[in-house]
Amino acid sequence: MSTMTQQKPEAVIPRIVWFEIPADDPERAKKFYNQLFGWKIERMQGAVIDYWHIDTGGSDDVPDGGMMKRVHPAQPITNYIAVESVEEAAAKVQKLGGIVCKGKTAVPGMGYFVICRDTEKNEFALWEKSENAK
């Protein structure tokens, strides 16, 4: 008689998994980053907003990113950090003196994000992967 072992899902390691670059002129920024780093940047079809995928050319361990039209003049580059639960991590951000700038938002079929600001006024995003996001 063999015994079956149930595998536990891998724990999420809190690391940067995506970055987002705001641009006043996405075509100009695309040319700049392509010539500087060789990144392949292509407009994403079917996105709710004008959005470009940045393929950094690395392995799966190296984060890719996105580019979008700048929303406001001081909009910074945003790093997305993987967490088990954006709701739990956002609560912890607030407990530690940070601010939640944009609450839980779905990216359908991919996951959820929350935009936060740390105690030094740096913005970052929390990312929870979920294929069931709606």
N, C-alpha and C. Protein backbone atom coordinates (compact mmCIF):
# COMPACT_ATOMS: atom_id res chain seq x y z
N MET A 1 0.84 -1.16 0.00
CA MET A 1 0.00 0.00 0.00
C MET A 1 0.89 1.24 0.00
N SER A 2 0.69 2.11 -0.96
CA SER A 2 1.50 3.31 -1.02
C SER A 2 0.76 4.45 -0.35
N THR A 3 1.53 5.36 0.18
CA THR A 3 0.91 6.52 0.80
C THR A 3 1.11 7.71 -0.12
N MET A 4 0.07 8.49 -0.26
CA MET A 4 0.15 9.68 -1.10
C MET A 4 0.43 10.88 -0.21
N THR A 5 1.34 11.70 -0.65
CA THR A 5 1.62 12.91 0.11
C THR A 5 1.00 14.09 -0.62
N GLN A 6 0.36 14.92 0.14
CA GLN A 6 -0.27 16.10 -0.43
C GLN A 6 0.74 17.23 -0.43
N GLN A 7 0.92 17.85 -1.60
CA GLN A 7 1.88 18.94 -1.70
C GLN A 7 1.23 20.24 -1.27
N LYS A 8 1.97 20.98 -0.45
CA LYS A 8 1.50 22.29 -0.04
C LYS A 8 1.85 23.28 -1.14
N PRO A 9 0.99 24.25 -1.38
CA PRO A 9 1.33 25.26 -2.37
C PRO A 9 2.56 26.03 -1.91
N GLU A 10 3.37 26.45 -2.87
CA GLU A 10 4.58 27.18 -2.53
C GLU A 10 4.21 28.52 -1.90
N ALA A 11 4.95 28.88 -0.88
CA ALA A 11 4.73 30.17 -0.24
C ALA A 11 5.18 31.28 -1.18
N VAL A 12 4.49 32.39 -1.12
CA VAL A 12 4.86 33.53 -1.94
C VAL A 12 6.03 34.24 -1.28
N ILE A 13 7.08 34.45 -2.05
CA ILE A 13 8.25 35.17 -1.56
C ILE A 13 8.04 36.65 -1.87
N PRO A 14 8.06 37.52 -0.85
CA PRO A 14 7.85 38.94 -1.12
C PRO A 14 9.04 39.53 -1.87
N ARG A 15 8.91 39.61 -3.19
CA ARG A 15 9.97 40.16 -4.04
C ARG A 15 9.32 40.93 -5.17
N ILE A 16 10.09 41.77 -5.81
CA ILE A 16 9.57 42.53 -6.94
C ILE A 16 9.28 41.56 -8.08
N VAL A 17 8.05 41.59 -8.57
CA VAL A 17 7.63 40.69 -9.64
C VAL A 17 7.22 41.45 -10.90
N TRP A 18 7.10 42.77 -10.82
CA TRP A 18 6.67 43.59 -11.96
C TRP A 18 7.05 45.02 -11.66
N PHE A 19 7.29 45.81 -12.68
CA PHE A 19 7.50 47.25 -12.48
C PHE A 19 6.69 47.98 -13.54
N GLU A 20 6.38 49.23 -13.25
CA GLU A 20 5.56 50.01 -14.16
C GLU A 20 6.18 51.39 -14.33
N ILE A 21 6.41 51.76 -15.59
CA ILE A 21 7.04 53.04 -15.91
C ILE A 21 5.98 53.97 -16.50
N PRO A 22 5.75 55.14 -15.87
CA PRO A 22 4.85 56.12 -16.48
C PRO A 22 5.62 56.91 -17.54
N ALA A 23 4.94 57.31 -18.61
CA ALA A 23 5.61 58.05 -19.68
C ALA A 23 4.69 59.12 -20.25
N ASP A 24 5.25 60.30 -20.46
CA ASP A 24 4.49 61.36 -21.14
C ASP A 24 4.30 60.99 -22.60
N ASP A 25 5.31 60.37 -23.20
CA ASP A 25 5.28 59.96 -24.60
C ASP A 25 5.76 58.51 -24.66
N PRO A 26 4.83 57.54 -24.57
CA PRO A 26 5.23 56.13 -24.54
C PRO A 26 6.10 55.69 -25.73
N GLU A 27 5.86 56.22 -26.92
CA GLU A 27 6.68 55.84 -28.08
C GLU A 27 8.12 56.31 -27.89
N ARG A 28 8.30 57.51 -27.35
CA ARG A 28 9.64 58.03 -27.07
C ARG A 28 10.32 57.18 -26.00
N ALA A 29 9.56 56.84 -24.94
CA ALA A 29 10.12 56.02 -23.85
C ALA A 29 10.46 54.62 -24.36
N LYS A 30 9.61 54.08 -25.22
CA LYS A 30 9.85 52.76 -25.81
C LYS A 30 11.18 52.76 -26.55
N LYS A 31 11.40 53.77 -27.37
CA LYS A 31 12.65 53.89 -28.14
C LYS A 31 13.86 54.01 -27.19
N PHE A 32 13.72 54.84 -26.15
CA PHE A 32 14.80 55.05 -25.18
C PHE A 32 15.20 53.74 -24.52
N TYR A 33 14.23 53.02 -23.93
CA TYR A 33 14.55 51.79 -23.19
C TYR A 33 14.99 50.66 -24.12
N ASN A 34 14.47 50.64 -25.34
CA ASN A 34 14.92 49.63 -26.30
C ASN A 34 16.38 49.88 -26.66
N GLN A 35 16.73 51.12 -26.94
CA GLN A 35 18.11 51.43 -27.32
C GLN A 35 19.07 51.33 -26.14
N LEU A 36 18.59 51.65 -24.94
CA LEU A 36 19.45 51.60 -23.76
C LEU A 36 19.70 50.17 -23.29
N PHE A 37 18.64 49.38 -23.15
CA PHE A 37 18.75 48.04 -22.57
C PHE A 37 18.42 46.89 -23.52
N GLY A 38 17.89 47.21 -24.69
CA GLY A 38 17.47 46.15 -25.61
C GLY A 38 16.13 45.55 -25.25
N TRP A 39 15.37 46.20 -24.38
CA TRP A 39 14.06 45.69 -23.98
C TRP A 39 13.10 45.73 -25.16
N LYS A 40 12.26 44.70 -25.27
CA LYS A 40 11.21 44.65 -26.28
C LYS A 40 9.93 45.17 -25.64
N ILE A 41 9.37 46.21 -26.22
CA ILE A 41 8.19 46.85 -25.64
C ILE A 41 7.09 46.86 -26.69
N GLU A 42 5.99 46.20 -26.38
CA GLU A 42 4.87 46.07 -27.32
C GLU A 42 3.57 46.48 -26.66
N ARG A 43 2.73 47.19 -27.40
CA ARG A 43 1.42 47.59 -26.91
C ARG A 43 0.59 46.32 -26.65
N MET A 44 -0.07 46.27 -25.51
CA MET A 44 -0.90 45.12 -25.15
C MET A 44 -2.29 45.30 -25.75
N GLN A 45 -2.71 44.34 -26.52
CA GLN A 45 -4.04 44.36 -27.13
C GLN A 45 -5.08 43.96 -26.09
N GLY A 46 -6.20 44.63 -26.10
CA GLY A 46 -7.30 44.26 -25.23
C GLY A 46 -7.19 44.83 -23.81
N ALA A 47 -6.16 45.62 -23.53
CA ALA A 47 -6.03 46.21 -22.20
C ALA A 47 -7.09 47.30 -22.03
N VAL A 48 -7.55 47.50 -20.81
CA VAL A 48 -8.56 48.50 -20.51
C VAL A 48 -8.02 49.91 -20.79
N ILE A 49 -6.74 50.13 -20.52
CA ILE A 49 -6.08 51.40 -20.80
C ILE A 49 -4.96 51.15 -21.80
N ASP A 50 -4.44 52.23 -22.42
CA ASP A 50 -3.27 52.06 -23.27
C ASP A 50 -2.13 51.58 -22.40
N TYR A 51 -1.61 50.41 -22.72
CA TYR A 51 -0.61 49.77 -21.86
C TYR A 51 0.37 49.01 -22.73
N TRP A 52 1.63 49.07 -22.39
CA TRP A 52 2.70 48.40 -23.13
C TRP A 52 3.39 47.39 -22.21
N HIS A 53 3.64 46.19 -22.72
CA HIS A 53 4.39 45.18 -21.98
C HIS A 53 5.87 45.37 -22.25
N ILE A 54 6.67 45.32 -21.19
CA ILE A 54 8.13 45.43 -21.31
C ILE A 54 8.72 44.06 -21.06
N ASP A 55 9.31 43.49 -22.09
CA ASP A 55 10.01 42.21 -21.99
C ASP A 55 11.49 42.53 -21.78
N THR A 56 11.98 42.28 -20.56
CA THR A 56 13.36 42.61 -20.23
C THR A 56 14.35 41.58 -20.77
N GLY A 57 13.83 40.48 -21.30
CA GLY A 57 14.70 39.48 -21.92
C GLY A 57 15.37 38.53 -20.95
N GLY A 58 14.98 38.61 -19.68
CA GLY A 58 15.59 37.75 -18.68
C GLY A 58 14.84 36.45 -18.51
N SER A 59 15.32 35.64 -17.58
CA SER A 59 14.65 34.38 -17.24
C SER A 59 13.36 34.70 -16.49
N ASP A 60 12.63 33.66 -16.11
CA ASP A 60 11.40 33.86 -15.36
C ASP A 60 11.65 34.49 -13.99
N ASP A 61 12.89 34.44 -13.51
CA ASP A 61 13.22 35.02 -12.21
C ASP A 61 13.41 36.54 -12.29
N VAL A 62 13.56 37.06 -13.51
CA VAL A 62 13.78 38.49 -13.71
C VAL A 62 12.44 39.13 -14.06
N PRO A 63 12.02 40.15 -13.30
CA PRO A 63 10.70 40.71 -13.57
C PRO A 63 10.63 41.48 -14.89
N ASP A 64 9.52 41.32 -15.58
CA ASP A 64 9.19 42.17 -16.71
C ASP A 64 8.40 43.35 -16.16
N GLY A 65 7.93 44.20 -17.06
CA GLY A 65 7.19 45.35 -16.58
C GLY A 65 6.19 45.86 -17.59
N GLY A 66 5.65 47.01 -17.27
CA GLY A 66 4.67 47.65 -18.13
C GLY A 66 4.94 49.13 -18.21
N MET A 67 4.36 49.75 -19.20
CA MET A 67 4.49 51.20 -19.38
C MET A 67 3.10 51.74 -19.72
N MET A 68 2.81 52.91 -19.19
CA MET A 68 1.52 53.53 -19.43
C MET A 68 1.68 55.03 -19.52
N LYS A 69 0.67 55.71 -20.07
CA LYS A 69 0.69 57.17 -20.09
C LYS A 69 0.70 57.66 -18.65
N ARG A 70 1.52 58.68 -18.39
CA ARG A 70 1.60 59.27 -17.05
C ARG A 70 0.23 59.82 -16.66
N VAL A 71 -0.22 59.48 -15.45
CA VAL A 71 -1.53 59.90 -14.95
C VAL A 71 -1.45 61.28 -14.30
N HIS A 72 -0.38 61.53 -13.54
CA HIS A 72 -0.19 62.83 -12.89
C HIS A 72 1.29 63.17 -12.92
N PRO A 73 1.65 64.46 -12.87
CA PRO A 73 3.03 64.89 -13.08
C PRO A 73 4.09 64.23 -12.19
N ALA A 74 3.73 63.91 -10.96
CA ALA A 74 4.72 63.34 -10.03
C ALA A 74 4.65 61.81 -9.97
N GLN A 75 3.95 61.17 -10.90
CA GLN A 75 3.79 59.71 -10.86
C GLN A 75 5.15 59.03 -10.99
N PRO A 76 5.51 58.21 -10.00
CA PRO A 76 6.82 57.54 -10.02
C PRO A 76 6.77 56.17 -10.71
N ILE A 77 7.93 55.60 -10.96
CA ILE A 77 8.00 54.20 -11.34
C ILE A 77 7.46 53.41 -10.15
N THR A 78 6.64 52.41 -10.41
CA THR A 78 6.06 51.61 -9.33
C THR A 78 6.55 50.18 -9.42
N ASN A 79 7.07 49.68 -8.31
CA ASN A 79 7.47 48.27 -8.21
C ASN A 79 6.33 47.50 -7.55
N TYR A 80 6.01 46.33 -8.13
CA TYR A 80 4.97 45.45 -7.60
C TYR A 80 5.64 44.31 -6.84
N ILE A 81 5.23 44.12 -5.59
CA ILE A 81 5.83 43.12 -4.72
C ILE A 81 4.80 42.03 -4.43
N ALA A 82 5.20 40.78 -4.67
CA ALA A 82 4.32 39.63 -4.47
C ALA A 82 4.02 39.42 -2.99
N VAL A 83 2.75 39.19 -2.68
CA VAL A 83 2.31 38.86 -1.32
C VAL A 83 1.25 37.77 -1.40
N GLU A 84 1.03 37.08 -0.29
CA GLU A 84 -0.02 36.05 -0.24
C GLU A 84 -1.40 36.68 -0.37
N SER A 85 -1.62 37.80 0.33
CA SER A 85 -2.92 38.46 0.36
C SER A 85 -2.71 39.97 0.37
N VAL A 86 -3.25 40.67 -0.64
CA VAL A 86 -3.09 42.12 -0.66
C VAL A 86 -3.84 42.77 0.50
N GLU A 87 -4.96 42.17 0.91
CA GLU A 87 -5.72 42.75 2.03
C GLU A 87 -4.93 42.67 3.33
N GLU A 88 -4.32 41.52 3.61
CA GLU A 88 -3.53 41.37 4.83
C GLU A 88 -2.28 42.25 4.79
N ALA A 89 -1.61 42.28 3.64
CA ALA A 89 -0.40 43.09 3.52
C ALA A 89 -0.73 44.58 3.62
N ALA A 90 -1.85 45.02 3.05
CA ALA A 90 -2.26 46.42 3.13
C ALA A 90 -2.55 46.82 4.58
N ALA A 91 -3.18 45.92 5.32
CA ALA A 91 -3.45 46.19 6.73
C ALA A 91 -2.13 46.35 7.49
N LYS A 92 -1.16 45.53 7.15
CA LYS A 92 0.15 45.62 7.80
C LYS A 92 0.86 46.93 7.43
N VAL A 93 0.73 47.35 6.17
CA VAL A 93 1.30 48.64 5.74
C VAL A 93 0.77 49.74 6.65
N GLN A 94 -0.55 49.77 6.85
CA GLN A 94 -1.15 50.81 7.68
C GLN A 94 -0.71 50.70 9.14
N LYS A 95 -0.61 49.50 9.64
CA LYS A 95 -0.18 49.28 11.03
C LYS A 95 1.23 49.81 11.25
N LEU A 96 2.06 49.72 10.20
CA LEU A 96 3.46 50.16 10.30
C LEU A 96 3.66 51.64 9.96
N GLY A 97 2.55 52.36 9.71
CA GLY A 97 2.65 53.80 9.47
C GLY A 97 2.60 54.19 8.00
N GLY A 98 2.39 53.24 7.11
CA GLY A 98 2.25 53.54 5.69
C GLY A 98 0.81 53.89 5.35
N ILE A 99 0.58 54.20 4.09
CA ILE A 99 -0.74 54.61 3.62
C ILE A 99 -1.15 53.76 2.43
N VAL A 100 -2.42 53.39 2.39
CA VAL A 100 -2.98 52.73 1.21
C VAL A 100 -3.54 53.84 0.33
N CYS A 101 -2.98 54.00 -0.87
CA CYS A 101 -3.39 55.06 -1.80
C CYS A 101 -4.51 54.61 -2.72
N LYS A 102 -4.52 53.34 -3.08
CA LYS A 102 -5.56 52.77 -3.95
C LYS A 102 -5.83 51.37 -3.44
N GLY A 103 -7.07 51.13 -3.09
CA GLY A 103 -7.46 49.85 -2.52
C GLY A 103 -7.40 48.71 -3.51
N LYS A 104 -7.77 47.54 -3.04
CA LYS A 104 -7.71 46.31 -3.82
C LYS A 104 -8.40 46.48 -5.17
N THR A 105 -7.64 46.23 -6.22
CA THR A 105 -8.13 46.38 -7.59
C THR A 105 -7.82 45.11 -8.37
N ALA A 106 -8.80 44.62 -9.11
CA ALA A 106 -8.61 43.39 -9.89
C ALA A 106 -8.00 43.68 -11.26
N VAL A 107 -7.12 42.79 -11.67
CA VAL A 107 -6.66 42.70 -13.05
C VAL A 107 -7.23 41.36 -13.50
N PRO A 108 -8.36 41.38 -14.21
CA PRO A 108 -9.09 40.15 -14.52
C PRO A 108 -8.22 39.02 -15.08
N GLY A 109 -8.37 37.86 -14.43
CA GLY A 109 -7.65 36.67 -14.86
C GLY A 109 -6.19 36.61 -14.43
N MET A 110 -5.71 37.66 -13.76
CA MET A 110 -4.29 37.71 -13.36
C MET A 110 -4.08 37.84 -11.85
N GLY A 111 -4.81 38.78 -11.23
CA GLY A 111 -4.62 38.98 -9.80
C GLY A 111 -5.17 40.30 -9.32
N TYR A 112 -4.70 40.70 -8.14
CA TYR A 112 -5.15 41.93 -7.50
C TYR A 112 -3.94 42.76 -7.09
N PHE A 113 -4.12 44.09 -7.10
CA PHE A 113 -3.06 44.96 -6.60
C PHE A 113 -3.63 46.01 -5.67
N VAL A 114 -2.75 46.54 -4.82
CA VAL A 114 -3.04 47.65 -3.93
C VAL A 114 -1.84 48.58 -4.03
N ILE A 115 -2.09 49.88 -4.23
CA ILE A 115 -1.00 50.86 -4.28
C ILE A 115 -0.84 51.45 -2.88
N CYS A 116 0.42 51.48 -2.41
CA CYS A 116 0.71 51.96 -1.05
C CYS A 116 1.80 53.03 -1.08
N ARG A 117 1.95 53.72 0.04
CA ARG A 117 3.04 54.67 0.23
C ARG A 117 3.69 54.32 1.56
N ASP A 118 5.01 54.21 1.56
CA ASP A 118 5.71 53.87 2.79
C ASP A 118 5.89 55.10 3.68
N THR A 119 6.59 54.95 4.78
CA THR A 119 6.79 56.04 5.73
C THR A 119 7.70 57.14 5.17
N GLU A 120 8.38 56.87 4.06
CA GLU A 120 9.28 57.85 3.44
C GLU A 120 8.67 58.47 2.19
N LYS A 121 7.37 58.25 1.98
CA LYS A 121 6.60 58.78 0.84
C LYS A 121 6.95 58.14 -0.49
N ASN A 122 7.47 56.91 -0.47
CA ASN A 122 7.73 56.15 -1.68
C ASN A 122 6.51 55.29 -1.99
N GLU A 123 6.08 55.29 -3.26
CA GLU A 123 4.97 54.45 -3.65
C GLU A 123 5.46 53.09 -4.11
N PHE A 124 4.65 52.07 -3.82
CA PHE A 124 4.90 50.72 -4.28
C PHE A 124 3.55 50.02 -4.35
N ALA A 125 3.54 48.87 -5.00
CA ALA A 125 2.29 48.12 -5.11
C ALA A 125 2.46 46.73 -4.52
N LEU A 126 1.39 46.24 -3.96
CA LEU A 126 1.32 44.85 -3.49
C LEU A 126 0.62 44.07 -4.59
N TRP A 127 1.06 42.84 -4.85
CA TRP A 127 0.48 42.03 -5.91
C TRP A 127 0.13 40.64 -5.38
N GLU A 128 -1.12 40.25 -5.59
CA GLU A 128 -1.60 38.92 -5.23
C GLU A 128 -2.02 38.21 -6.51
N LYS A 129 -1.30 37.17 -6.87
CA LYS A 129 -1.62 36.43 -8.08
C LYS A 129 -2.90 35.64 -7.87
N SER A 130 -3.84 35.76 -8.83
CA SER A 130 -5.08 35.00 -8.76
C SER A 130 -5.70 34.94 -10.15
N GLU A 131 -5.74 33.76 -10.71
CA GLU A 131 -6.37 33.58 -12.03
C GLU A 131 -7.88 33.79 -11.96
N ASN A 132 -8.44 33.80 -10.75
CA ASN A 132 -9.88 33.99 -10.56
C ASN A 132 -10.28 35.45 -10.38
N ALA A 133 -9.32 36.36 -10.46
CA ALA A 133 -9.61 37.78 -10.25
C ALA A 133 -10.60 38.29 -11.29
N LYS A 134 -11.58 39.05 -10.83
CA LYS A 134 -12.60 39.62 -11.72
C LYS A 134 -12.81 41.08 -11.42
